[in-house]
Amino acid sequence: MKKAPKNTFTAVLEKFDSHLLYYYFLVPNEIATVFVSEKSKRVVCIINDSEKIQCALMHKKGGGFFINVNKKTRDKLKLNSSSEINVQLTKDDSKYGLPMPEELAELLKLDDEGNELFHSLTPGKQRTLLHIIGLPKGMDIRIRRAIAILNHLKENNGKIDYKMMNEAMKNKL
């Protein structure tokens, strides 16, 4: 019988006891501690040998680590509370911790000020913006979002006001 690699384990999907409806699974400490460093807790997680997500290992109150599983992933894999899942973790060595949308990459090449402001943001804020831009399936919407976000950064000296930024994106759509 072949022995499973150290970064592979079985977990049960659980739901936090809160009104926020977060679903998660626990990561065994002996596996989590391999991936957690002072600089990063980012991992690439493959669930049930099919769904790859870039995410962070989160500290659980009372000890241990967990990973959130969003609705899109749960729906795609037909998971619910108490579903047993197979998990494989690897260190996320990507530059941003999420894929860089091609549309934003091209704009950053053309816009020195926007590029500087984007890269002056914290890694977490960069990931949030990458997520917002990369979420829509349509290229046109991703382009309009990227333009609106870079304009927002320039108009606000690199600061993000999410309410204002969302309004600007709505107006561009």
Protein backbone atom coordinates (compact mmCIF):
# COMPACT_ATOMS: atom_id res chain seq x y z
CA MET A 1 0.00 0.00 0.00
CA LYS A 2 1.37 3.40 -1.04
CA LYS A 3 1.90 5.88 1.78
CA ALA A 4 0.21 9.30 1.34
CA PRO A 5 2.56 12.31 1.10
CA LYS A 6 2.84 14.46 4.22
CA ASN A 7 0.92 17.30 2.59
CA THR A 8 -2.16 15.17 1.86
CA PHE A 9 -4.96 14.48 4.34
CA THR A 10 -8.68 13.88 4.73
CA ALA A 11 -10.85 16.49 6.44
CA VAL A 12 -14.49 17.16 7.18
CA LEU A 13 -16.17 20.36 6.02
CA GLU A 14 -17.58 22.22 8.99
CA LYS A 15 -19.60 25.38 9.46
CA PHE A 16 -18.67 28.08 11.94
CA ASP A 17 -21.31 28.67 14.56
CA SER A 18 -22.07 32.20 13.39
CA HIS A 19 -24.48 34.14 11.23
CA LEU A 20 -21.76 34.63 8.59
CA LEU A 21 -22.14 31.12 7.13
CA TYR A 22 -18.43 30.39 6.77
CA TYR A 23 -17.50 26.83 5.87
CA TYR A 24 -14.04 25.52 6.63
CA PHE A 25 -11.96 22.45 7.30
CA LEU A 26 -9.26 21.92 9.88
CA VAL A 27 -5.68 21.37 8.81
CA PRO A 28 -3.66 19.03 11.02
CA ASN A 29 -1.06 20.98 12.99
CA GLU A 30 1.82 18.79 11.81
CA ILE A 31 0.96 19.71 8.22
CA ALA A 32 0.04 23.36 8.81
CA THR A 33 3.23 24.20 10.66
CA VAL A 34 5.28 23.11 7.63
CA PHE A 35 3.62 25.86 5.56
CA VAL A 36 3.31 28.70 8.07
CA SER A 37 6.14 31.20 8.30
CA GLU A 38 6.49 34.74 9.60
CA LYS A 39 6.11 36.06 6.05
CA SER A 40 3.36 33.87 4.64
CA LYS A 41 0.55 31.45 5.35
CA ARG A 42 -0.41 31.18 1.67
CA VAL A 43 -0.95 27.72 0.19
CA VAL A 44 -2.32 26.12 -2.94
CA CYS A 45 -5.04 23.70 -1.90
CA ILE A 46 -6.40 20.95 -4.13
CA ILE A 47 -9.71 19.56 -2.92
CA ASN A 48 -10.86 16.10 -4.03
CA ASP A 49 -8.12 15.95 -6.68
CA SER A 50 -10.00 18.48 -8.81
CA GLU A 51 -10.54 21.98 -7.43
CA LYS A 52 -7.42 24.11 -6.97
CA ILE A 53 -7.68 27.21 -4.79
CA GLN A 54 -5.08 29.67 -3.59
CA CYS A 55 -5.78 30.51 0.05
CA ALA A 56 -4.34 31.15 3.48
CA LEU A 57 -3.99 28.96 6.52
CA MET A 58 -5.94 30.75 9.23
CA HIS A 59 -5.39 30.47 12.99
CA LYS A 60 -8.37 28.93 14.77
CA LYS A 61 -9.42 30.38 18.09
CA GLY A 62 -8.26 27.95 20.75
CA GLY A 63 -5.45 26.62 18.55
CA GLY A 64 -4.92 24.97 15.23
CA PHE A 65 -5.39 26.05 11.64
CA PHE A 66 -8.21 26.02 9.12
CA ILE A 67 -8.99 26.91 5.51
CA ASN A 68 -12.21 28.61 4.39
CA VAL A 69 -14.16 27.08 1.50
CA ASN A 70 -16.31 29.55 -0.44
CA LYS A 71 -19.75 28.92 -1.90
CA LYS A 72 -18.51 28.70 -5.48
CA THR A 73 -16.13 25.86 -4.57
CA ARG A 74 -18.71 24.11 -2.37
CA ASP A 75 -21.31 24.27 -5.16
CA LYS A 76 -18.88 23.08 -7.82
CA LEU A 77 -17.85 20.07 -5.72
CA LYS A 78 -21.37 19.53 -4.27
CA LEU A 79 -20.11 19.89 -0.71
CA ASN A 80 -22.10 20.63 2.41
CA SER A 81 -21.50 20.61 6.13
CA SER A 82 -20.07 17.22 7.16
CA SER A 83 -18.78 16.39 3.66
CA GLU A 84 -15.53 14.45 3.80
CA ILE A 85 -12.87 15.86 1.49
CA ASN A 86 -9.39 14.89 0.36
CA VAL A 87 -6.93 17.75 0.58
CA GLN A 88 -3.46 18.32 -0.82
CA LEU A 89 -1.47 21.41 0.16
CA THR A 90 1.59 22.96 -1.41
CA LYS A 91 3.34 26.24 -0.64
CA ASP A 92 2.02 29.15 -2.72
CA ASP A 93 5.15 30.69 -4.19
CA SER A 94 3.26 32.93 -6.61
CA LYS A 95 4.06 36.64 -6.56
CA TYR A 96 0.61 37.78 -5.39
CA GLY A 97 -1.11 34.71 -3.89
CA LEU A 98 -3.77 34.91 -6.62
CA PRO A 99 -3.56 34.88 -10.41
CA MET A 100 -2.80 38.24 -12.02
CA PRO A 101 -5.62 39.00 -14.50
CA GLU A 102 -4.12 39.59 -17.96
CA GLU A 103 -6.12 42.80 -18.29
CA LEU A 104 -4.58 44.32 -15.18
CA ALA A 105 -1.08 43.10 -16.10
CA GLU A 106 -1.32 44.93 -19.43
CA LEU A 107 -2.61 48.13 -17.81
CA LEU A 108 0.18 48.06 -15.22
CA LYS A 109 2.76 47.83 -18.05
CA LEU A 110 1.26 50.94 -19.67
CA ASP A 111 0.55 53.01 -16.57
CA ASP A 112 3.64 53.76 -14.48
CA GLU A 113 1.72 55.70 -11.81
CA GLY A 114 -0.97 53.01 -11.51
CA ASN A 115 1.72 50.33 -11.35
CA GLU A 116 3.58 52.16 -8.58
CA LEU A 117 0.41 52.75 -6.56
CA PHE A 118 -0.78 49.14 -6.96
CA HIS A 119 2.59 47.77 -5.86
CA SER A 120 2.73 50.13 -2.86
CA LEU A 121 -0.39 48.45 -1.42
CA THR A 122 -0.10 45.67 1.15
CA PRO A 123 -0.12 42.12 -0.27
CA GLY A 124 -3.60 41.60 1.17
CA LYS A 125 -5.00 44.68 -0.56
CA GLN A 126 -3.32 43.65 -3.80
CA ARG A 127 -4.99 40.21 -3.54
CA THR A 128 -8.36 41.85 -2.86
CA LEU A 129 -8.05 43.95 -6.01
CA LEU A 130 -6.86 40.95 -8.05
CA HIS A 131 -9.90 39.03 -6.84
CA ILE A 132 -12.29 41.87 -7.70
CA ILE A 133 -10.84 42.27 -11.19
CA GLY A 134 -10.49 38.55 -11.93
CA LEU A 135 -13.97 37.53 -10.74
CA PRO A 136 -16.06 38.30 -13.86
CA LYS A 137 -15.92 35.86 -16.76
CA GLY A 138 -16.14 38.56 -19.43
CA MET A 139 -12.93 40.25 -20.55
CA ASP A 140 -14.72 43.59 -21.12
CA ILE A 141 -15.89 43.74 -17.51
CA ARG A 142 -12.42 42.80 -16.21
CA ILE A 143 -10.88 45.60 -18.31
CA ARG A 144 -13.41 48.17 -17.07
CA ARG A 145 -12.87 47.10 -13.46
CA ALA A 146 -9.09 47.30 -13.82
CA ILE A 147 -9.33 50.80 -15.32
CA ALA A 148 -11.75 51.96 -12.61
CA ILE A 149 -9.54 50.57 -9.83
CA LEU A 150 -6.33 52.14 -11.16
CA ASN A 151 -8.11 55.47 -11.64
CA HIS A 152 -9.45 55.19 -8.08
CA LEU A 153 -5.93 54.61 -6.73
CA LYS A 154 -4.61 57.62 -8.66
CA GLU A 155 -7.47 59.90 -7.59
CA ASN A 156 -7.01 58.90 -3.93
CA ASN A 157 -3.21 58.92 -3.66
CA GLY A 158 -3.02 55.13 -3.43
CA LYS A 159 -5.67 54.83 -0.73
CA ILE A 160 -8.69 52.58 -1.18
CA ASP A 161 -12.19 53.65 -0.23
CA TYR A 162 -14.11 50.49 -1.13
CA LYS A 163 -17.49 52.21 -1.24
CA MET A 164 -16.19 54.88 -3.64
CA MET A 165 -14.31 52.30 -5.67
CA ASN A 166 -17.42 50.13 -6.03
CA GLU A 167 -19.40 53.15 -7.22
CA ALA A 168 -16.70 53.96 -9.76
CA MET A 169 -16.79 50.37 -11.03
CA LYS A 170 -20.59 50.47 -11.34
CA ASN A 171 -20.35 53.68 -13.34
CA LYS A 172 -17.77 52.08 -15.67
CA LEU A 173 -19.99 49.03 -16.24
